[in-house]
Each structure stands twice: as C-alpha cells, then as structure tokens.
Amino acid sequence: MNNDFYIALISGWSILFIFWSIVILFVFVRKPPNSRLSNNVLFRSYAIFFILLFLILVFHKFDSFL
C-alpha cells in the first residue's frame, strides 16, 4: 500500500509539473501587460517545486522498513 501511494504521488506530481509548465509557458509567450511573471518568480516557482519533489524522494528512500 505504501508503494501504491508513492506511485500515485509521483504520478500526480508529474502531471502537476506538466500543467504548471504549460501555464508558465503560455503566460511567458503571451506577455500580458499586467503580468508579474519575471525570471526571478519563474526560478523560485520551479525551485520550490523541485525541492518538494526531492523531499518526497528522500522520504520514500528512508521510509523503508526492509
């Protein structure tokens, strides 16, 4: 059951990454006048995403009872 939850979490995280990237790319290409999307905000959002993904991977690695 732990493995099923982990696979579902990684699958959801992957889908979230794909849709988040599409939204960011769409806003970046269109460049609306009131957009607050800068390179700094872009870097921070992806950094937070990958830090949380890294934590998920680390917790799965050290959560094994085997």
PDB file of N, CA and C in Angstrom:
ATOM      1  N   MET A   1       0.820  -1.192   0.000  1.00  0.00           N
ATOM      2  CA  MET A   1       0.000   0.000   0.000  1.00  0.00           C
ATOM      3  C   MET A   1       0.867   1.261   0.000  1.00  0.00           C
ATOM      4  N   ASN A   2       1.978   1.238   0.703  1.00  0.00           N
ATOM      5  CA  ASN A   2       2.887   2.381   0.682  1.00  0.00           C
ATOM      6  C   ASN A   2       3.391   2.643  -0.724  1.00  0.00           C
ATOM      7  N   ASN A   3       3.714   1.559  -1.446  1.00  0.00           N
ATOM      8  CA  ASN A   3       4.235   1.711  -2.798  1.00  0.00           C
ATOM      9  C   ASN A   3       3.165   2.293  -3.725  1.00  0.00           C
ATOM     10  N   ASP A   4       1.918   1.893  -3.552  1.00  0.00           N
ATOM     11  CA  ASP A   4       0.834   2.437  -4.376  1.00  0.00           C
ATOM     12  C   ASP A   4       0.666   3.940  -4.133  1.00  0.00           C
ATOM     13  N   PHE A   5       0.728   4.340  -2.870  1.00  0.00           N
ATOM     14  CA  PHE A   5       0.613   5.754  -2.540  1.00  0.00           C
ATOM     15  C   PHE A   5       1.774   6.535  -3.138  1.00  0.00           C
ATOM     16  N   TYR A   6       2.967   5.983  -3.078  1.00  0.00           N
ATOM     17  CA  TYR A   6       4.144   6.651  -3.623  1.00  0.00           C
ATOM     18  C   TYR A   6       4.030   6.812  -5.139  1.00  0.00           C
ATOM     19  N   ILE A   7       3.590   5.772  -5.827  1.00  0.00           N
ATOM     20  CA  ILE A   7       3.426   5.846  -7.278  1.00  0.00           C
ATOM     21  C   ILE A   7       2.357   6.875  -7.643  1.00  0.00           C
ATOM     22  N   ALA A   8       1.265   6.903  -6.904  1.00  0.00           N
ATOM     23  CA  ALA A   8       0.216   7.895  -7.154  1.00  0.00           C
ATOM     24  C   ALA A   8       0.731   9.309  -6.898  1.00  0.00           C
ATOM     25  N   LEU A   9       1.530   9.487  -5.859  1.00  0.00           N
ATOM     26  CA  LEU A   9       2.078  10.801  -5.546  1.00  0.00           C
ATOM     27  C   LEU A   9       3.028  11.283  -6.640  1.00  0.00           C
ATOM     28  N   ILE A  10       3.897  10.412  -7.103  1.00  0.00           N
ATOM     29  CA  ILE A  10       4.827  10.782  -8.170  1.00  0.00           C
ATOM     30  C   ILE A  10       4.076  11.038  -9.477  1.00  0.00           C
ATOM     31  N   SER A  11       3.055  10.249  -9.754  1.00  0.00           N
ATOM     32  CA  SER A  11       2.255  10.460 -10.968  1.00  0.00           C
ATOM     33  C   SER A  11       1.540  11.808 -10.916  1.00  0.00           C
ATOM     34  N   GLY A  12       0.943  12.115  -9.785  1.00  0.00           N
ATOM     35  CA  GLY A  12       0.273  13.407  -9.608  1.00  0.00           C
ATOM     36  C   GLY A  12       1.239  14.563  -9.700  1.00  0.00           C
ATOM     37  N   TRP A  13       2.414  14.396  -9.128  1.00  0.00           N
ATOM     38  CA  TRP A  13       3.435  15.437  -9.167  1.00  0.00           C
ATOM     39  C   TRP A  13       3.898  15.674 -10.609  1.00  0.00           C
ATOM     40  N   SER A  14       4.009  14.596 -11.390  1.00  0.00           N
ATOM     41  CA  SER A  14       4.416  14.711 -12.794  1.00  0.00           C
ATOM     42  C   SER A  14       3.356  15.444 -13.614  1.00  0.00           C
ATOM     43  N   ILE A  15       2.093  15.094 -13.393  1.00  0.00           N
ATOM     44  CA  ILE A  15       1.003  15.774 -14.096  1.00  0.00           C
ATOM     45  C   ILE A  15       0.954  17.243 -13.699  1.00  0.00           C
ATOM     46  N   LEU A  16       1.139  17.527 -12.419  1.00  0.00           N
ATOM     47  CA  LEU A  16       1.177  18.907 -11.957  1.00  0.00           C
ATOM     48  C   LEU A  16       2.320  19.666 -12.617  1.00  0.00           C
ATOM     49  N   PHE A  17       3.482  19.043 -12.757  1.00  0.00           N
ATOM     50  CA  PHE A  17       4.623  19.683 -13.402  1.00  0.00           C
ATOM     51  C   PHE A  17       4.330  19.999 -14.865  1.00  0.00           C
ATOM     52  N   ILE A  18       3.689  19.074 -15.556  1.00  0.00           N
ATOM     53  CA  ILE A  18       3.363  19.293 -16.971  1.00  0.00           C
ATOM     54  C   ILE A  18       2.401  20.468 -17.124  1.00  0.00           C
ATOM     55  N   PHE A  19       1.318  20.476 -16.343  1.00  0.00           N
ATOM     56  CA  PHE A  19       0.349  21.557 -16.466  1.00  0.00           C
ATOM     57  C   PHE A  19       0.913  22.890 -15.979  1.00  0.00           C
ATOM     58  N   TRP A  20       1.720  22.876 -14.937  1.00  0.00           N
ATOM     59  CA  TRP A  20       2.337  24.105 -14.450  1.00  0.00           C
ATOM     60  C   TRP A  20       3.268  24.681 -15.517  1.00  0.00           C
ATOM     61  N   SER A  21       4.015  23.819 -16.181  1.00  0.00           N
ATOM     62  CA  SER A  21       4.922  24.277 -17.237  1.00  0.00           C
ATOM     63  C   SER A  21       4.150  24.849 -18.418  1.00  0.00           C
ATOM     64  N   ILE A  22       3.015  24.239 -18.756  1.00  0.00           N
ATOM     65  CA  ILE A  22       2.191  24.762 -19.851  1.00  0.00           C
ATOM     66  C   ILE A  22       1.658  26.147 -19.508  1.00  0.00           C
ATOM     67  N   VAL A  23       1.194  26.334 -18.281  1.00  0.00           N
ATOM     68  CA  VAL A  23       0.667  27.634 -17.865  1.00  0.00           C
ATOM     69  C   VAL A  23       1.776  28.682 -17.879  1.00  0.00           C
ATOM     70  N   ILE A  24       2.928  28.343 -17.326  1.00  0.00           N
ATOM     71  CA  ILE A  24       4.044  29.290 -17.290  1.00  0.00           C
ATOM     72  C   ILE A  24       4.485  29.644 -18.706  1.00  0.00           C
ATOM     73  N   LEU A  25       4.588  28.652 -19.570  1.00  0.00           N
ATOM     74  CA  LEU A  25       4.986  28.895 -20.949  1.00  0.00           C
ATOM     75  C   LEU A  25       3.959  29.769 -21.666  1.00  0.00           C
ATOM     76  N   PHE A  26       2.678  29.515 -21.444  1.00  0.00           N
ATOM     77  CA  PHE A  26       1.620  30.305 -22.063  1.00  0.00           C
ATOM     78  C   PHE A  26       1.703  31.768 -21.632  1.00  0.00           C
ATOM     79  N   VAL A  27       1.877  32.009 -20.349  1.00  0.00           N
ATOM     80  CA  VAL A  27       1.972  33.382 -19.851  1.00  0.00           C
ATOM     81  C   VAL A  27       3.260  34.030 -20.340  1.00  0.00           C
ATOM     82  N   PHE A  28       4.342  33.268 -20.377  1.00  0.00           N
ATOM     83  CA  PHE A  28       5.633  33.808 -20.800  1.00  0.00           C
ATOM     84  C   PHE A  28       5.604  34.199 -22.283  1.00  0.00           C
ATOM     85  N   VAL A  29       4.927  33.417 -23.112  1.00  0.00           N
ATOM     86  CA  VAL A  29       4.860  33.715 -24.540  1.00  0.00           C
ATOM     87  C   VAL A  29       3.914  34.884 -24.824  1.00  0.00           C
ATOM     88  N   ARG A  30       2.794  34.920 -24.145  1.00  0.00           N
ATOM     89  CA  ARG A  30       1.808  35.984 -24.401  1.00  0.00           C
ATOM     90  C   ARG A  30       2.237  37.327 -23.849  1.00  0.00           C
ATOM     91  N   LYS A  31       2.938  37.343 -22.725  1.00  0.00           N
ATOM     92  CA  LYS A  31       3.424  38.567 -22.065  1.00  0.00           C
ATOM     93  C   LYS A  31       2.312  39.604 -21.879  1.00  0.00           C
ATOM     94  N   PRO A  32       1.318  39.279 -21.042  1.00  0.00           N
ATOM     95  CA  PRO A  32       0.257  40.261 -20.794  1.00  0.00           C
ATOM     96  C   PRO A  32       0.834  41.486 -20.085  1.00  0.00           C
ATOM     97  N   PRO A  33       0.213  42.652 -20.261  1.00  0.00           N
ATOM     98  CA  PRO A  33       0.778  43.894 -19.703  1.00  0.00           C
ATOM     99  C   PRO A  33       0.831  43.929 -18.179  1.00  0.00           C
ATOM    100  N   ASN A  34      -0.103  43.296 -17.488  1.00  0.00           N
ATOM    101  CA  ASN A  34      -0.130  43.341 -16.027  1.00  0.00           C
ATOM    102  C   ASN A  34       0.461  42.086 -15.391  1.00  0.00           C
ATOM    103  N   SER A  35       1.220  41.324 -16.146  1.00  0.00           N
ATOM    104  CA  SER A  35       1.789  40.084 -15.631  1.00  0.00           C
ATOM    105  C   SER A  35       2.945  40.372 -14.685  1.00  0.00           C
ATOM    106  N   ARG A  36       3.001  39.641 -13.598  1.00  0.00           N
ATOM    107  CA  ARG A  36       4.092  39.774 -12.629  1.00  0.00           C
ATOM    108  C   ARG A  36       5.129  38.674 -12.810  1.00  0.00           C
ATOM    109  N   LEU A  37       5.064  37.981 -13.918  1.00  0.00           N
ATOM    110  CA  LEU A  37       5.974  36.874 -14.172  1.00  0.00           C
ATOM    111  C   LEU A  37       7.326  37.410 -14.623  1.00  0.00           C
ATOM    112  N   SER A  38       8.287  37.277 -13.750  1.00  0.00           N
ATOM    113  CA  SER A  38       9.657  37.665 -14.084  1.00  0.00           C
ATOM    114  C   SER A  38      10.523  36.412 -14.014  1.00  0.00           C
ATOM    115  N   ASN A  39      11.765  36.555 -14.399  1.00  0.00           N
ATOM    116  CA  ASN A  39      12.667  35.400 -14.330  1.00  0.00           C
ATOM    117  C   ASN A  39      12.867  34.955 -12.888  1.00  0.00           C
ATOM    118  N   ASN A  40      12.846  35.895 -11.950  1.00  0.00           N
ATOM    119  CA  ASN A  40      13.014  35.568 -10.537  1.00  0.00           C
ATOM    120  C   ASN A  40      11.828  34.731 -10.026  1.00  0.00           C
ATOM    121  N   VAL A  41      10.632  35.138 -10.375  1.00  0.00           N
ATOM    122  CA  VAL A  41       9.431  34.390  -9.962  1.00  0.00           C
ATOM    123  C   VAL A  41       9.420  33.018 -10.626  1.00  0.00           C
ATOM    124  N   LEU A  42       9.802  32.964 -11.880  1.00  0.00           N
ATOM    125  CA  LEU A  42       9.881  31.698 -12.595  1.00  0.00           C
ATOM    126  C   LEU A  42      10.873  30.756 -11.936  1.00  0.00           C
ATOM    127  N   PHE A  43      12.040  31.245 -11.597  1.00  0.00           N
ATOM    128  CA  PHE A  43      13.059  30.431 -10.942  1.00  0.00           C
ATOM    129  C   PHE A  43      12.592  29.955  -9.572  1.00  0.00           C
ATOM    130  N   ARG A  44      11.978  30.839  -8.797  1.00  0.00           N
ATOM    131  CA  ARG A  44      11.501  30.460  -7.461  1.00  0.00           C
ATOM    132  C   ARG A  44      10.416  29.392  -7.520  1.00  0.00           C
ATOM    133  N   SER A  45       9.494  29.513  -8.464  1.00  0.00           N
ATOM    134  CA  SER A  45       8.405  28.538  -8.535  1.00  0.00           C
ATOM    135  C   SER A  45       8.945  27.155  -8.902  1.00  0.00           C
ATOM    136  N   TYR A  46       9.862  27.096  -9.854  1.00  0.00           N
ATOM    137  CA  TYR A  46      10.438  25.797 -10.203  1.00  0.00           C
ATOM    138  C   TYR A  46      11.369  25.283  -9.114  1.00  0.00           C
ATOM    139  N   ALA A  47      12.052  26.174  -8.413  1.00  0.00           N
ATOM    140  CA  ALA A  47      12.927  25.744  -7.320  1.00  0.00           C
ATOM    141  C   ALA A  47      12.107  25.119  -6.189  1.00  0.00           C
ATOM    142  N   ILE A  48      10.997  25.749  -5.828  1.00  0.00           N
ATOM    143  CA  ILE A  48      10.133  25.207  -4.778  1.00  0.00           C
ATOM    144  C   ILE A  48       9.563  23.858  -5.222  1.00  0.00           C
ATOM    145  N   PHE A  49       9.165  23.770  -6.480  1.00  0.00           N
ATOM    146  CA  PHE A  49       8.631  22.517  -7.000  1.00  0.00           C
ATOM    147  C   PHE A  49       9.658  21.397  -6.884  1.00  0.00           C
ATOM    148  N   PHE A  50      10.889  21.645  -7.318  1.00  0.00           N
ATOM    149  CA  PHE A  50      11.905  20.597  -7.301  1.00  0.00           C
ATOM    150  C   PHE A  50      12.411  20.296  -5.889  1.00  0.00           C
ATOM    151  N   ILE A  51      12.396  21.266  -4.999  1.00  0.00           N
ATOM    152  CA  ILE A  51      12.767  20.999  -3.598  1.00  0.00           C
ATOM    153  C   ILE A  51      11.742  20.061  -2.967  1.00  0.00           C
ATOM    154  N   LEU A  52      10.465  20.311  -3.202  1.00  0.00           N
ATOM    155  CA  LEU A  52       9.429  19.430  -2.657  1.00  0.00           C
ATOM    156  C   LEU A  52       9.484  18.040  -3.283  1.00  0.00           C
ATOM    157  N   LEU A  53       9.787  17.964  -4.584  1.00  0.00           N
ATOM    158  CA  LEU A  53       9.951  16.666  -5.225  1.00  0.00           C
ATOM    159  C   LEU A  53      11.135  15.919  -4.625  1.00  0.00           C
ATOM    160  N   PHE A  54      12.222  16.609  -4.369  1.00  0.00           N
ATOM    161  CA  PHE A  54      13.393  15.999  -3.751  1.00  0.00           C
ATOM    162  C   PHE A  54      13.061  15.476  -2.356  1.00  0.00           C
ATOM    163  N   LEU A  55      12.284  16.246  -1.585  1.00  0.00           N
ATOM    164  CA  LEU A  55      11.882  15.792  -0.251  1.00  0.00           C
ATOM    165  C   LEU A  55      11.006  14.544  -0.327  1.00  0.00           C
ATOM    166  N   ILE A  56      10.117  14.483  -1.300  1.00  0.00           N
ATOM    167  CA  ILE A  56       9.289  13.290  -1.475  1.00  0.00           C
ATOM    168  C   ILE A  56      10.166  12.080  -1.762  1.00  0.00           C
ATOM    169  N   LEU A  57      11.138  12.254  -2.648  1.00  0.00           N
ATOM    170  CA  LEU A  57      12.041  11.155  -2.988  1.00  0.00           C
ATOM    171  C   LEU A  57      12.895  10.728  -1.799  1.00  0.00           C
ATOM    172  N   VAL A  58      13.359  11.691  -1.007  1.00  0.00           N
ATOM    173  CA  VAL A  58      14.182  11.375   0.167  1.00  0.00           C
ATOM    174  C   VAL A  58      13.350  10.653   1.220  1.00  0.00           C
ATOM    175  N   PHE A  59      12.136  11.121   1.487  1.00  0.00           N
ATOM    176  CA  PHE A  59      11.297  10.468   2.486  1.00  0.00           C
ATOM    177  C   PHE A  59      10.925   9.056   2.065  1.00  0.00           C
ATOM    178  N   HIS A  60      10.753   8.827   0.777  1.00  0.00           N
ATOM    179  CA  HIS A  60      10.458   7.466   0.314  1.00  0.00           C
ATOM    180  C   HIS A  60      11.675   6.568   0.500  1.00  0.00           C
ATOM    181  N   LYS A  61      12.846   7.106   0.269  1.00  0.00           N
ATOM    182  CA  LYS A  61      14.071   6.310   0.396  1.00  0.00           C
ATOM    183  C   LYS A  61      14.296   5.875   1.851  1.00  0.00           C
ATOM    184  N   PHE A  62      14.046   6.759   2.810  1.00  0.00           N
ATOM    185  CA  PHE A  62      14.333   6.456   4.200  1.00  0.00           C
ATOM    186  C   PHE A  62      13.121   5.953   4.977  1.00  0.00           C
ATOM    187  N   ASP A  63      11.992   5.750   4.310  1.00  0.00           N
ATOM    188  CA  ASP A  63      10.791   5.260   4.976  1.00  0.00           C
ATOM    189  C   ASP A  63      10.643   3.752   4.843  1.00  0.00           C
ATOM    190  N   SER A  64      11.628   3.091   4.332  1.00  0.00           N
ATOM    191  CA  SER A  64      11.536   1.654   4.114  1.00  0.00           C
ATOM    192  C   SER A  64      11.864   0.895   5.397  1.00  0.00           C
ATOM    193  N   PHE A  65      11.104  -0.158   5.669  1.00  0.00           N
ATOM    194  CA  PHE A  65      11.363  -0.994   6.841  1.00  0.00           C
ATOM    195  C   PHE A  65      12.165  -2.232   6.490  1.00  0.00           C
ATOM    196  N   LEU A  66      12.594  -2.332   5.255  1.00  0.00           N
ATOM    197  CA  LEU A  66      13.313  -3.511   4.812  1.00  0.00           C
ATOM    198  C   LEU A  66      14.801  -3.387   5.054  1.00  0.00           C
TER     199      LEU A  66
END
